Amino acid sequence: MASRTNDRRARIEEMRRAEQARERRGRIITIAISGVVVAGLVGFGVFVLNKESEKKDQQVAEAKAPVTGEKSWDAKKLGRNHVAKAVTYPMKPPVGGDHNQVWMNCNGDVYTEPVPDVNAVHSLEHGAVWVTYNDKAPAGEVSKLADKVKKTPYTMMSPVKDQAGTIMISAWGKQVTVDSASDKRVSQFFTKYVQGPQTPEPGAACTNGLSGK
């Protein structure tokens, strides 16, 4: 009887030790997995931060560098009066001058029909960048530009059939002509001039204006 009792206690003790060993292995595995996950998250975080840092550095470099082929006008000589009549501008599309008191909505707005110059110029005064294109622009390039504009506040896009360049991008006192949406100057112009230092009225509204509809 005593022998059976001792054997039973020994088996129970052996089972207890085995269970404890399993629990230790489980804790070790859990800690190891957690360490791998944490290390992965830290590594991913560092990767994301590095990418963000590289992106910011690139934007700073783009903002400082001159835009190749860019035309500039003296911002101080561009009129800024509100007028209720048509204005004849010396450049097309216009990059500044007297304009209507109502601006075109420019919160990533894409217009498929021409918009009034006098309203678009008011948007430029508020720091918008205006993308325009003529009939020679390929539909695919127009679509890519529209996608970029839709994602960018303080921008707008519309056709200007009689402009000289296939694709032209304008800001207050600034303008550049490109042949495609993939031209690096497109992103550079956006980076440099969307609410850029050339803006006469930075932070002014780009919504609640003329919708073009």
N, C-alpha and C. Protein backbone atom coordinates (compact mmCIF):
# COMPACT_ATOMS: atom_id res chain seq x y z
N MET A 1 0.83 -1.20 0.00
CA MET A 1 0.00 0.00 0.00
C MET A 1 0.87 1.26 0.00
N ALA A 2 1.86 1.29 0.87
CA ALA A 2 2.77 2.44 0.96
C ALA A 2 3.54 2.61 -0.32
N SER A 3 3.91 1.46 -0.96
CA SER A 3 4.68 1.50 -2.21
C SER A 3 3.86 2.14 -3.32
N ARG A 4 2.54 1.75 -3.39
CA ARG A 4 1.68 2.32 -4.44
C ARG A 4 1.51 3.83 -4.23
N THR A 5 1.39 4.22 -2.97
CA THR A 5 1.24 5.64 -2.65
C THR A 5 2.47 6.43 -3.06
N ASN A 6 3.65 5.84 -2.76
CA ASN A 6 4.90 6.51 -3.14
C ASN A 6 5.03 6.63 -4.65
N ASP A 7 4.64 5.52 -5.37
CA ASP A 7 4.70 5.55 -6.83
C ASP A 7 3.77 6.63 -7.40
N ARG A 8 2.59 6.73 -6.79
CA ARG A 8 1.61 7.72 -7.25
C ARG A 8 2.16 9.14 -7.04
N ARG A 9 2.76 9.39 -5.86
CA ARG A 9 3.35 10.70 -5.58
C ARG A 9 4.48 11.00 -6.54
N ALA A 10 5.28 9.98 -6.87
CA ALA A 10 6.40 10.17 -7.78
C ALA A 10 5.90 10.56 -9.18
N ARG A 11 4.82 9.89 -9.63
CA ARG A 11 4.27 10.22 -10.94
C ARG A 11 3.70 11.64 -10.97
N ILE A 12 3.02 12.00 -9.88
CA ILE A 12 2.46 13.35 -9.80
C ILE A 12 3.58 14.39 -9.83
N GLU A 13 4.65 14.11 -9.09
CA GLU A 13 5.78 15.03 -9.06
C GLU A 13 6.44 15.13 -10.43
N GLU A 14 6.56 13.98 -11.11
CA GLU A 14 7.15 13.96 -12.44
C GLU A 14 6.29 14.77 -13.43
N MET A 15 4.97 14.61 -13.30
CA MET A 15 4.05 15.36 -14.16
C MET A 15 4.14 16.86 -13.88
N ARG A 16 4.29 17.19 -12.57
CA ARG A 16 4.40 18.60 -12.20
C ARG A 16 5.67 19.21 -12.79
N ARG A 17 6.79 18.45 -12.70
CA ARG A 17 8.05 18.95 -13.25
C ARG A 17 7.95 19.11 -14.77
N ALA A 18 7.29 18.16 -15.42
CA ALA A 18 7.13 18.24 -16.87
C ALA A 18 6.29 19.46 -17.27
N GLU A 19 5.22 19.71 -16.49
CA GLU A 19 4.36 20.86 -16.76
C GLU A 19 5.14 22.16 -16.56
N GLN A 20 5.94 22.23 -15.50
CA GLN A 20 6.75 23.41 -15.25
C GLN A 20 7.76 23.64 -16.38
N ALA A 21 8.33 22.52 -16.86
CA ALA A 21 9.29 22.63 -17.96
C ALA A 21 8.60 23.17 -19.22
N ARG A 22 7.38 22.68 -19.49
CA ARG A 22 6.63 23.18 -20.65
C ARG A 22 6.32 24.67 -20.50
N GLU A 23 5.95 25.06 -19.28
CA GLU A 23 5.65 26.47 -19.05
C GLU A 23 6.89 27.35 -19.27
N ARG A 24 8.06 26.85 -18.81
CA ARG A 24 9.30 27.61 -19.00
C ARG A 24 9.62 27.74 -20.49
N ARG A 25 9.47 26.62 -21.22
CA ARG A 25 9.72 26.67 -22.67
C ARG A 25 8.77 27.65 -23.36
N GLY A 26 7.50 27.61 -22.90
CA GLY A 26 6.50 28.52 -23.49
C GLY A 26 6.86 29.97 -23.25
N ARG A 27 7.32 30.26 -22.00
CA ARG A 27 7.71 31.64 -21.69
C ARG A 27 8.90 32.07 -22.53
N ILE A 28 9.86 31.16 -22.67
CA ILE A 28 11.06 31.47 -23.45
C ILE A 28 10.69 31.75 -24.91
N ILE A 29 9.81 30.90 -25.46
CA ILE A 29 9.38 31.08 -26.85
C ILE A 29 8.63 32.39 -27.01
N THR A 30 7.75 32.67 -26.03
CA THR A 30 6.97 33.92 -26.09
C THR A 30 7.88 35.13 -26.05
N ILE A 31 8.87 35.09 -25.13
CA ILE A 31 9.80 36.20 -25.02
C ILE A 31 10.61 36.36 -26.31
N ALA A 32 11.02 35.21 -26.87
CA ALA A 32 11.82 35.25 -28.10
C ALA A 32 11.02 35.85 -29.24
N ILE A 33 9.76 35.39 -29.38
CA ILE A 33 8.90 35.91 -30.44
C ILE A 33 8.63 37.40 -30.24
N SER A 34 8.38 37.77 -28.99
CA SER A 34 8.13 39.18 -28.70
C SER A 34 9.35 40.02 -29.07
N GLY A 35 10.54 39.48 -28.75
CA GLY A 35 11.75 40.21 -29.08
C GLY A 35 11.90 40.40 -30.58
N VAL A 36 11.58 39.35 -31.34
CA VAL A 36 11.67 39.44 -32.80
C VAL A 36 10.67 40.47 -33.32
N VAL A 37 9.44 40.43 -32.80
CA VAL A 37 8.40 41.38 -33.23
C VAL A 37 8.81 42.81 -32.91
N VAL A 38 9.28 43.03 -31.68
CA VAL A 38 9.71 44.37 -31.27
C VAL A 38 10.85 44.86 -32.15
N ALA A 39 11.81 43.96 -32.38
CA ALA A 39 12.95 44.33 -33.22
C ALA A 39 12.48 44.68 -34.63
N GLY A 40 11.50 43.89 -35.13
CA GLY A 40 10.96 44.18 -36.45
C GLY A 40 10.25 45.51 -36.50
N LEU A 41 9.46 45.79 -35.46
CA LEU A 41 8.74 47.06 -35.41
C LEU A 41 9.71 48.23 -35.31
N VAL A 42 10.74 48.07 -34.48
CA VAL A 42 11.74 49.12 -34.34
C VAL A 42 12.45 49.35 -35.67
N GLY A 43 12.81 48.24 -36.32
CA GLY A 43 13.48 48.35 -37.62
C GLY A 43 12.59 49.02 -38.65
N PHE A 44 11.31 48.65 -38.66
CA PHE A 44 10.37 49.26 -39.61
C PHE A 44 10.19 50.74 -39.30
N GLY A 45 10.12 51.06 -37.99
CA GLY A 45 9.98 52.46 -37.59
C GLY A 45 11.16 53.29 -38.04
N VAL A 46 12.36 52.74 -37.87
CA VAL A 46 13.57 53.44 -38.30
C VAL A 46 13.55 53.62 -39.82
N PHE A 47 13.11 52.58 -40.54
CA PHE A 47 13.03 52.65 -42.00
C PHE A 47 12.07 53.76 -42.43
N VAL A 48 10.89 53.81 -41.79
CA VAL A 48 9.89 54.83 -42.12
C VAL A 48 10.42 56.23 -41.82
N LEU A 49 11.05 56.37 -40.65
CA LEU A 49 11.61 57.68 -40.28
C LEU A 49 12.70 58.11 -41.25
N ASN A 50 13.53 57.15 -41.67
CA ASN A 50 14.58 57.47 -42.63
C ASN A 50 13.98 57.92 -43.96
N LYS A 51 12.93 57.21 -44.38
CA LYS A 51 12.26 57.56 -45.63
C LYS A 51 11.64 58.95 -45.54
N GLU A 52 10.99 59.23 -44.41
CA GLU A 52 10.38 60.54 -44.21
C GLU A 52 11.44 61.63 -44.20
N SER A 53 12.57 61.33 -43.55
CA SER A 53 13.66 62.29 -43.49
C SER A 53 14.22 62.55 -44.89
N GLU A 54 14.38 61.48 -45.68
CA GLU A 54 14.88 61.62 -47.04
C GLU A 54 13.91 62.44 -47.88
N LYS A 55 12.60 62.20 -47.68
CA LYS A 55 11.58 62.93 -48.43
C LYS A 55 11.62 64.41 -48.10
N LYS A 56 11.75 64.73 -46.80
CA LYS A 56 11.82 66.13 -46.38
C LYS A 56 13.08 66.80 -46.92
N ASP A 57 14.19 66.06 -46.87
CA ASP A 57 15.44 66.60 -47.40
C ASP A 57 15.32 66.90 -48.89
N GLN A 58 14.65 65.99 -49.60
CA GLN A 58 14.45 66.18 -51.03
C GLN A 58 13.58 67.40 -51.30
N GLN A 59 12.53 67.56 -50.50
CA GLN A 59 11.64 68.71 -50.67
C GLN A 59 12.36 70.01 -50.40
N VAL A 60 13.20 70.02 -49.37
CA VAL A 60 13.98 71.22 -49.05
C VAL A 60 14.92 71.55 -50.22
N ALA A 61 15.56 70.51 -50.76
CA ALA A 61 16.48 70.71 -51.88
C ALA A 61 15.73 71.24 -53.11
N GLU A 62 14.54 70.68 -53.37
CA GLU A 62 13.74 71.12 -54.51
C GLU A 62 13.29 72.57 -54.34
N ALA A 63 12.93 72.92 -53.11
CA ALA A 63 12.46 74.29 -52.86
C ALA A 63 13.58 75.32 -53.03
N LYS A 64 14.81 74.91 -52.75
CA LYS A 64 15.94 75.83 -52.85
C LYS A 64 16.47 75.93 -54.28
N ALA A 65 16.38 74.84 -55.03
CA ALA A 65 16.96 74.81 -56.37
C ALA A 65 16.10 75.58 -57.37
N PRO A 66 16.72 76.25 -58.34
CA PRO A 66 15.94 76.94 -59.38
C PRO A 66 15.25 75.92 -60.29
N VAL A 67 14.09 76.29 -60.82
CA VAL A 67 13.36 75.42 -61.74
C VAL A 67 13.88 75.69 -63.15
N THR A 68 14.44 74.70 -63.78
CA THR A 68 15.00 74.84 -65.12
C THR A 68 13.94 75.31 -66.11
N GLY A 69 14.24 76.35 -66.85
CA GLY A 69 13.32 76.84 -67.87
C GLY A 69 12.19 77.70 -67.34
N GLU A 70 12.24 78.02 -66.06
CA GLU A 70 11.18 78.82 -65.46
C GLU A 70 11.24 80.28 -65.91
N LYS A 71 10.06 80.87 -66.12
CA LYS A 71 9.96 82.29 -66.41
C LYS A 71 9.46 83.00 -65.16
N SER A 72 9.99 84.17 -64.90
CA SER A 72 9.60 84.93 -63.72
C SER A 72 9.23 86.35 -64.09
N TRP A 73 8.28 86.90 -63.35
CA TRP A 73 7.87 88.29 -63.50
C TRP A 73 8.01 88.97 -62.14
N ASP A 74 8.29 90.24 -62.15
CA ASP A 74 8.43 91.00 -60.91
C ASP A 74 7.08 91.06 -60.20
N ALA A 75 6.98 90.36 -59.09
CA ALA A 75 5.70 90.27 -58.37
C ALA A 75 5.18 91.63 -57.95
N LYS A 76 6.10 92.55 -57.66
CA LYS A 76 5.69 93.88 -57.19
C LYS A 76 5.07 94.71 -58.31
N LYS A 77 5.36 94.34 -59.56
CA LYS A 77 4.82 95.09 -60.69
C LYS A 77 3.52 94.49 -61.22
N LEU A 78 3.14 93.34 -60.69
CA LEU A 78 1.87 92.72 -61.10
C LEU A 78 0.73 93.35 -60.30
N GLY A 79 -0.25 93.88 -61.00
CA GLY A 79 -1.37 94.53 -60.32
C GLY A 79 -2.13 93.56 -59.44
N ARG A 80 -2.75 94.09 -58.40
CA ARG A 80 -3.51 93.24 -57.48
C ARG A 80 -4.87 93.85 -57.15
N ASN A 81 -5.33 94.74 -58.00
CA ASN A 81 -6.61 95.39 -57.76
C ASN A 81 -7.78 94.46 -58.09
N HIS A 82 -8.87 94.59 -57.35
CA HIS A 82 -10.09 93.87 -57.67
C HIS A 82 -10.88 94.67 -58.70
N VAL A 83 -11.21 94.01 -59.80
CA VAL A 83 -11.94 94.69 -60.86
C VAL A 83 -13.14 93.85 -61.26
N ALA A 84 -14.14 94.51 -61.84
CA ALA A 84 -15.36 93.80 -62.26
C ALA A 84 -15.45 93.70 -63.78
N LYS A 85 -14.33 93.85 -64.45
CA LYS A 85 -14.30 93.81 -65.91
C LYS A 85 -13.23 92.82 -66.37
N ALA A 86 -13.23 92.56 -67.66
CA ALA A 86 -12.22 91.67 -68.24
C ALA A 86 -10.86 92.35 -68.19
N VAL A 87 -9.82 91.55 -68.06
CA VAL A 87 -8.45 92.06 -67.99
C VAL A 87 -7.63 91.42 -69.10
N THR A 88 -6.85 92.22 -69.80
CA THR A 88 -5.94 91.69 -70.81
C THR A 88 -4.58 91.48 -70.17
N TYR A 89 -4.16 90.24 -70.11
CA TYR A 89 -2.89 89.91 -69.46
C TYR A 89 -1.77 89.77 -70.50
N PRO A 90 -0.54 90.13 -70.17
CA PRO A 90 0.57 90.06 -71.12
C PRO A 90 1.12 88.65 -71.33
N MET A 91 0.67 87.70 -70.54
CA MET A 91 1.12 86.31 -70.69
C MET A 91 -0.10 85.39 -70.63
N LYS A 92 0.05 84.19 -71.20
CA LYS A 92 -1.06 83.23 -71.21
C LYS A 92 -0.54 81.85 -70.91
N PRO A 93 -1.04 81.23 -69.85
CA PRO A 93 -1.99 81.73 -68.86
C PRO A 93 -1.37 82.87 -68.04
N PRO A 94 -2.20 83.72 -67.46
CA PRO A 94 -1.66 84.82 -66.65
C PRO A 94 -1.05 84.31 -65.35
N VAL A 95 -0.07 85.05 -64.85
CA VAL A 95 0.58 84.67 -63.59
C VAL A 95 0.40 85.74 -62.52
N GLY A 96 -0.49 86.67 -62.77
CA GLY A 96 -0.73 87.74 -61.81
C GLY A 96 -1.33 88.95 -62.50
N GLY A 97 -1.75 89.90 -61.71
CA GLY A 97 -2.34 91.11 -62.25
C GLY A 97 -3.67 91.40 -61.58
N ASP A 98 -4.32 92.46 -62.02
CA ASP A 98 -5.65 92.77 -61.50
C ASP A 98 -6.59 91.61 -61.79
N HIS A 99 -7.57 91.43 -60.91
CA HIS A 99 -8.41 90.24 -61.03
C HIS A 99 -9.77 90.45 -60.37
N ASN A 100 -10.65 89.52 -60.61
CA ASN A 100 -11.98 89.56 -60.01
C ASN A 100 -11.89 89.30 -58.51
N GLN A 101 -12.83 89.84 -57.77
CA GLN A 101 -12.79 89.68 -56.31
C GLN A 101 -13.12 88.25 -55.86
N VAL A 102 -13.65 87.43 -56.77
CA VAL A 102 -13.97 86.03 -56.44
C VAL A 102 -12.89 85.13 -57.03
N TRP A 103 -12.34 84.24 -56.23
CA TRP A 103 -11.31 83.32 -56.70
C TRP A 103 -11.94 82.03 -57.21
N MET A 104 -11.18 81.29 -58.01
CA MET A 104 -11.59 79.93 -58.39
C MET A 104 -11.28 79.00 -57.22
N ASN A 105 -12.17 78.06 -56.96
CA ASN A 105 -11.84 77.04 -55.96
C ASN A 105 -10.58 76.32 -56.40
N CYS A 106 -9.64 76.19 -55.48
CA CYS A 106 -8.33 75.63 -55.84
C CYS A 106 -7.85 74.65 -54.78
N ASN A 107 -8.79 73.91 -54.24
CA ASN A 107 -8.44 72.90 -53.23
C ASN A 107 -8.29 71.53 -53.89
N GLY A 108 -7.38 71.47 -54.89
CA GLY A 108 -7.23 70.24 -55.66
C GLY A 108 -8.34 70.09 -56.70
N ASP A 109 -8.85 71.22 -57.19
CA ASP A 109 -9.97 71.19 -58.14
C ASP A 109 -9.47 70.99 -59.57
N VAL A 110 -10.12 70.05 -60.28
CA VAL A 110 -9.79 69.78 -61.68
C VAL A 110 -10.99 70.18 -62.53
N TYR A 111 -10.79 71.18 -63.38
CA TYR A 111 -11.85 71.66 -64.26
C TYR A 111 -11.63 71.12 -65.67
N THR A 112 -12.67 70.59 -66.27
CA THR A 112 -12.55 70.04 -67.62
C THR A 112 -12.89 71.07 -68.69
N GLU A 113 -13.38 72.23 -68.28
CA GLU A 113 -13.66 73.33 -69.18
C GLU A 113 -12.81 74.54 -68.78
N PRO A 114 -12.53 75.45 -69.72
CA PRO A 114 -11.74 76.64 -69.38
C PRO A 114 -12.38 77.45 -68.25
N VAL A 115 -11.55 78.07 -67.44
CA VAL A 115 -12.03 78.90 -66.34
C VAL A 115 -11.65 80.35 -66.63
N PRO A 116 -12.37 81.31 -66.07
CA PRO A 116 -12.04 82.72 -66.32
C PRO A 116 -10.68 83.09 -65.74
N ASP A 117 -9.87 83.74 -66.56
CA ASP A 117 -8.54 84.16 -66.11
C ASP A 117 -8.61 85.04 -64.86
N VAL A 118 -9.59 85.94 -64.85
CA VAL A 118 -9.65 86.93 -63.75
C VAL A 118 -9.93 86.27 -62.40
N ASN A 119 -10.58 85.09 -62.43
CA ASN A 119 -10.82 84.37 -61.17
C ASN A 119 -9.64 83.48 -60.82
N ALA A 120 -9.03 82.89 -61.85
CA ALA A 120 -7.87 82.02 -61.62
C ALA A 120 -6.70 82.82 -61.04
N VAL A 121 -6.50 84.04 -61.52
CA VAL A 121 -5.40 84.87 -61.01
C VAL A 121 -5.59 85.16 -59.53
N HIS A 122 -6.83 85.33 -59.11
CA HIS A 122 -7.09 85.56 -57.69
C HIS A 122 -6.63 84.33 -56.88
N SER A 123 -6.84 83.15 -57.43
CA SER A 123 -6.38 81.93 -56.74
C SER A 123 -4.86 81.91 -56.61
N LEU A 124 -4.17 82.35 -57.67
CA LEU A 124 -2.71 82.43 -57.60
C LEU A 124 -2.27 83.39 -56.50
N GLU A 125 -3.02 84.47 -56.33
CA GLU A 125 -2.70 85.43 -55.28
C GLU A 125 -2.78 84.78 -53.90
N HIS A 126 -3.63 83.77 -53.79
CA HIS A 126 -3.79 83.06 -52.51
C HIS A 126 -2.76 81.93 -52.32
N GLY A 127 -1.88 81.77 -53.30
CA GLY A 127 -0.83 80.76 -53.17
C GLY A 127 -1.08 79.47 -53.91
N ALA A 128 -2.06 79.48 -54.84
CA ALA A 128 -2.35 78.27 -55.60
C ALA A 128 -1.38 78.10 -56.77
N VAL A 129 -1.21 76.85 -57.18
CA VAL A 129 -0.50 76.52 -58.41
C VAL A 129 -1.54 76.05 -59.42
N TRP A 130 -1.45 76.56 -60.64
CA TRP A 130 -2.45 76.32 -61.68
C TRP A 130 -1.82 75.52 -62.82
N VAL A 131 -2.32 74.31 -63.04
CA VAL A 131 -1.85 73.45 -64.13
C VAL A 131 -2.80 73.63 -65.32
N THR A 132 -2.25 73.94 -66.49
CA THR A 132 -3.07 74.11 -67.69
C THR A 132 -2.49 73.29 -68.84
N TYR A 133 -3.32 72.99 -69.82
CA TYR A 133 -2.89 72.16 -70.96
C TYR A 133 -3.70 72.53 -72.19
N ASN A 134 -3.12 72.28 -73.36
CA ASN A 134 -3.85 72.55 -74.59
C ASN A 134 -4.26 71.24 -75.26
N ASP A 135 -4.79 71.33 -76.48
CA ASP A 135 -5.33 70.16 -77.17
C ASP A 135 -4.26 69.14 -77.56
N LYS A 136 -2.99 69.55 -77.53
CA LYS A 136 -1.91 68.63 -77.91
C LYS A 136 -1.51 67.70 -76.76
N ALA A 137 -1.97 67.98 -75.57
CA ALA A 137 -1.59 67.16 -74.41
C ALA A 137 -2.24 65.78 -74.50
N PRO A 138 -1.46 64.69 -74.42
CA PRO A 138 -2.02 63.34 -74.45
C PRO A 138 -2.97 63.10 -73.26
N ALA A 139 -4.04 62.36 -73.51
CA ALA A 139 -5.04 62.11 -72.46
C ALA A 139 -4.41 61.47 -71.23
N GLY A 140 -3.44 60.57 -71.44
CA GLY A 140 -2.79 59.90 -70.32
C GLY A 140 -2.04 60.87 -69.43
N GLU A 141 -1.37 61.85 -70.05
CA GLU A 141 -0.63 62.84 -69.27
C GLU A 141 -1.58 63.76 -68.50
N VAL A 142 -2.68 64.11 -69.14
CA VAL A 142 -3.69 64.94 -68.48
C VAL A 142 -4.25 64.22 -67.26
N SER A 143 -4.50 62.92 -67.41
CA SER A 143 -5.04 62.12 -66.31
C SER A 143 -4.06 62.05 -65.13
N LYS A 144 -2.77 61.86 -65.43
CA LYS A 144 -1.76 61.79 -64.37
C LYS A 144 -1.65 63.13 -63.63
N LEU A 145 -1.69 64.21 -64.37
CA LEU A 145 -1.63 65.53 -63.75
C LEU A 145 -2.86 65.78 -62.89
N ALA A 146 -4.02 65.34 -63.39
CA ALA A 146 -5.26 65.51 -62.62
C ALA A 146 -5.18 64.76 -61.30
N ASP A 147 -4.61 63.56 -61.32
CA ASP A 147 -4.46 62.78 -60.09
C ASP A 147 -3.59 63.52 -59.08
N LYS A 148 -2.52 64.13 -59.57
CA LYS A 148 -1.61 64.87 -58.67
C LYS A 148 -2.31 66.09 -58.09
N VAL A 149 -3.04 66.79 -58.93
CA VAL A 149 -3.75 67.99 -58.47
C VAL A 149 -4.79 67.63 -57.41
N LYS A 150 -5.55 66.58 -57.66
CA LYS A 150 -6.61 66.18 -56.73
C LYS A 150 -6.07 65.86 -55.34
N LYS A 151 -4.81 65.47 -55.26
CA LYS A 151 -4.20 65.11 -53.98
C LYS A 151 -3.52 66.31 -53.30
N THR A 152 -3.53 67.46 -53.95
CA THR A 152 -2.74 68.58 -53.46
C THR A 152 -3.60 69.81 -53.20
N PRO A 153 -3.80 70.20 -51.94
CA PRO A 153 -4.52 71.44 -51.65
C PRO A 153 -3.78 72.64 -52.25
N TYR A 154 -4.52 73.68 -52.53
CA TYR A 154 -3.99 74.90 -53.14
C TYR A 154 -3.42 74.64 -54.54
N THR A 155 -4.12 73.80 -55.29
CA THR A 155 -3.81 73.61 -56.70
C THR A 155 -5.13 73.52 -57.47
N MET A 156 -5.04 73.74 -58.77
CA MET A 156 -6.20 73.56 -59.65
C MET A 156 -5.68 73.27 -61.05
N MET A 157 -6.58 72.83 -61.90
CA MET A 157 -6.19 72.44 -63.25
C MET A 157 -7.33 72.72 -64.21
N SER A 158 -6.98 73.20 -65.41
CA SER A 158 -8.00 73.47 -66.42
C SER A 158 -7.36 73.54 -67.81
N PRO A 159 -8.15 73.34 -68.87
CA PRO A 159 -7.60 73.48 -70.23
C PRO A 159 -7.51 74.95 -70.64
N VAL A 160 -6.47 75.28 -71.39
CA VAL A 160 -6.32 76.60 -72.02
C VAL A 160 -5.89 76.31 -73.46
N LYS A 161 -6.84 76.29 -74.35
CA LYS A 161 -6.60 75.79 -75.71
C LYS A 161 -5.56 76.57 -76.49
N ASP A 162 -5.48 77.87 -76.29
CA ASP A 162 -4.57 78.69 -77.10
C ASP A 162 -3.27 79.04 -76.40
N GLN A 163 -2.90 78.28 -75.35
CA GLN A 163 -1.60 78.53 -74.72
C GLN A 163 -0.49 77.96 -75.59
N ALA A 164 0.70 78.50 -75.46
CA ALA A 164 1.80 78.11 -76.34
C ALA A 164 2.34 76.73 -76.02
N GLY A 165 2.47 76.40 -74.74
CA GLY A 165 3.04 75.12 -74.34
C GLY A 165 1.98 74.04 -74.21
N THR A 166 2.40 72.79 -74.37
CA THR A 166 1.46 71.67 -74.23
C THR A 166 0.93 71.59 -72.81
N ILE A 167 1.85 71.65 -71.85
CA ILE A 167 1.48 71.66 -70.42
C ILE A 167 2.23 72.81 -69.76
N MET A 168 1.51 73.65 -69.07
CA MET A 168 2.13 74.80 -68.41
C MET A 168 1.68 74.84 -66.96
N ILE A 169 2.57 75.25 -66.08
CA ILE A 169 2.26 75.32 -64.65
C ILE A 169 2.59 76.73 -64.18
N SER A 170 1.62 77.34 -63.51
CA SER A 170 1.78 78.74 -63.13
C SER A 170 1.54 78.95 -61.64
N ALA A 171 2.27 79.91 -61.10
CA ALA A 171 2.05 80.42 -59.75
C ALA A 171 2.16 81.94 -59.87
N TRP A 172 1.95 82.67 -58.80
CA TRP A 172 2.03 84.12 -58.86
C TRP A 172 3.44 84.55 -59.27
N GLY A 173 3.55 85.11 -60.48
CA GLY A 173 4.84 85.58 -60.97
C GLY A 173 5.77 84.50 -61.49
N LYS A 174 5.30 83.26 -61.57
CA LYS A 174 6.15 82.14 -61.97
C LYS A 174 5.43 81.25 -62.98
N GLN A 175 6.20 80.69 -63.93
CA GLN A 175 5.59 79.79 -64.91
C GLN A 175 6.65 78.90 -65.56
N VAL A 176 6.28 77.66 -65.82
CA VAL A 176 7.19 76.75 -66.51
C VAL A 176 6.38 75.88 -67.48
N THR A 177 7.00 75.52 -68.59
CA THR A 177 6.36 74.66 -69.59
C THR A 177 7.04 73.29 -69.57
N VAL A 178 6.24 72.23 -69.54
CA VAL A 178 6.77 70.86 -69.55
C VAL A 178 6.03 70.05 -70.62
N ASP A 179 6.58 68.88 -70.95
CA ASP A 179 5.98 68.04 -71.98
C ASP A 179 5.20 66.86 -71.42
N SER A 180 5.45 66.52 -70.14
CA SER A 180 4.79 65.35 -69.57
C SER A 180 4.61 65.49 -68.07
N ALA A 181 3.72 64.66 -67.54
CA ALA A 181 3.47 64.67 -66.10
C ALA A 181 4.65 64.13 -65.31
N SER A 182 5.48 63.32 -65.96
CA SER A 182 6.62 62.70 -65.27
C SER A 182 7.85 63.62 -65.22
N ASP A 183 7.78 64.77 -65.86
CA ASP A 183 8.88 65.73 -65.81
C ASP A 183 9.12 66.10 -64.34
N LYS A 184 10.35 65.99 -63.87
CA LYS A 184 10.67 66.25 -62.46
C LYS A 184 10.34 67.69 -62.04
N ARG A 185 10.25 68.58 -63.00
CA ARG A 185 9.96 69.97 -62.67
C ARG A 185 8.51 70.16 -62.20
N VAL A 186 7.65 69.20 -62.53
CA VAL A 186 6.26 69.29 -62.06
C VAL A 186 6.23 69.24 -60.53
N SER A 187 6.83 68.19 -59.97
CA SER A 187 6.86 68.05 -58.51
C SER A 187 7.65 69.18 -57.88
N GLN A 188 8.74 69.57 -58.52
CA GLN A 188 9.56 70.65 -57.96
C GLN A 188 8.76 71.95 -57.91
N PHE A 189 8.02 72.25 -58.97
CA PHE A 189 7.22 73.48 -59.02
C PHE A 189 6.16 73.47 -57.91
N PHE A 190 5.52 72.32 -57.73
CA PHE A 190 4.53 72.19 -56.66
C PHE A 190 5.18 72.43 -55.30
N THR A 191 6.29 71.75 -55.07
CA THR A 191 7.00 71.87 -53.78
C THR A 191 7.41 73.31 -53.52
N LYS A 192 7.88 73.97 -54.55
CA LYS A 192 8.45 75.30 -54.41
C LYS A 192 7.39 76.40 -54.28
N TYR A 193 6.25 76.22 -54.98
CA TYR A 193 5.33 77.35 -55.09
C TYR A 193 3.92 77.16 -54.53
N VAL A 194 3.52 75.96 -54.16
CA VAL A 194 2.23 75.82 -53.49
C VAL A 194 2.36 76.51 -52.12
N GLN A 195 1.66 77.60 -51.94
CA GLN A 195 1.80 78.42 -50.72
C GLN A 195 3.26 78.83 -50.51
N GLY A 196 3.95 79.07 -51.61
CA GLY A 196 5.37 79.40 -51.54
C GLY A 196 5.64 80.85 -51.18
N PRO A 197 6.91 81.23 -51.16
CA PRO A 197 7.29 82.59 -50.73
C PRO A 197 6.82 83.68 -51.70
N GLN A 198 6.44 83.30 -52.92
CA GLN A 198 5.95 84.28 -53.90
C GLN A 198 4.50 84.68 -53.63
N THR A 199 3.82 83.98 -52.72
CA THR A 199 2.40 84.18 -52.48
C THR A 199 2.11 85.54 -51.83
N PRO A 200 1.31 86.39 -52.48
CA PRO A 200 0.97 87.68 -51.87
C PRO A 200 0.09 87.55 -50.63
N GLU A 201 -0.83 86.56 -50.66
CA GLU A 201 -1.75 86.39 -49.54
C GLU A 201 -1.73 84.93 -49.05
N PRO A 202 -0.64 84.52 -48.43
CA PRO A 202 -0.54 83.13 -47.98
C PRO A 202 -1.62 82.78 -46.96
N GLY A 203 -2.20 81.60 -47.13
CA GLY A 203 -3.21 81.13 -46.18
C GLY A 203 -4.61 81.60 -46.49
N ALA A 204 -4.77 82.49 -47.49
CA ALA A 204 -6.11 82.93 -47.87
C ALA A 204 -6.89 81.76 -48.46
N ALA A 205 -8.20 81.85 -48.46
CA ALA A 205 -9.07 80.72 -48.82
C ALA A 205 -8.87 80.23 -50.24
N CYS A 206 -9.04 78.92 -50.41
CA CYS A 206 -9.05 78.32 -51.74
C CYS A 206 -10.36 77.54 -51.94
N THR A 207 -11.29 77.73 -51.04
CA THR A 207 -12.62 77.12 -51.15
C THR A 207 -13.66 78.23 -51.04
N ASN A 208 -14.93 77.87 -51.25
CA ASN A 208 -16.04 78.83 -51.18
C ASN A 208 -15.91 79.96 -52.18
N GLY A 209 -15.23 79.66 -53.30
CA GLY A 209 -15.12 80.63 -54.38
C GLY A 209 -15.97 80.19 -55.56
N LEU A 210 -15.49 80.45 -56.77
CA LEU A 210 -16.20 80.05 -57.99
C LEU A 210 -15.87 78.60 -58.30
N SER A 211 -16.91 77.79 -58.53
CA SER A 211 -16.70 76.36 -58.74
C SER A 211 -16.54 76.00 -60.22
N GLY A 212 -16.94 76.90 -61.10
CA GLY A 212 -16.83 76.62 -62.52
C GLY A 212 -17.96 75.79 -63.06
N LYS A 213 -18.92 75.41 -62.21
CA LYS A 213 -20.04 74.58 -62.65
C LYS A 213 -21.24 75.45 -63.00
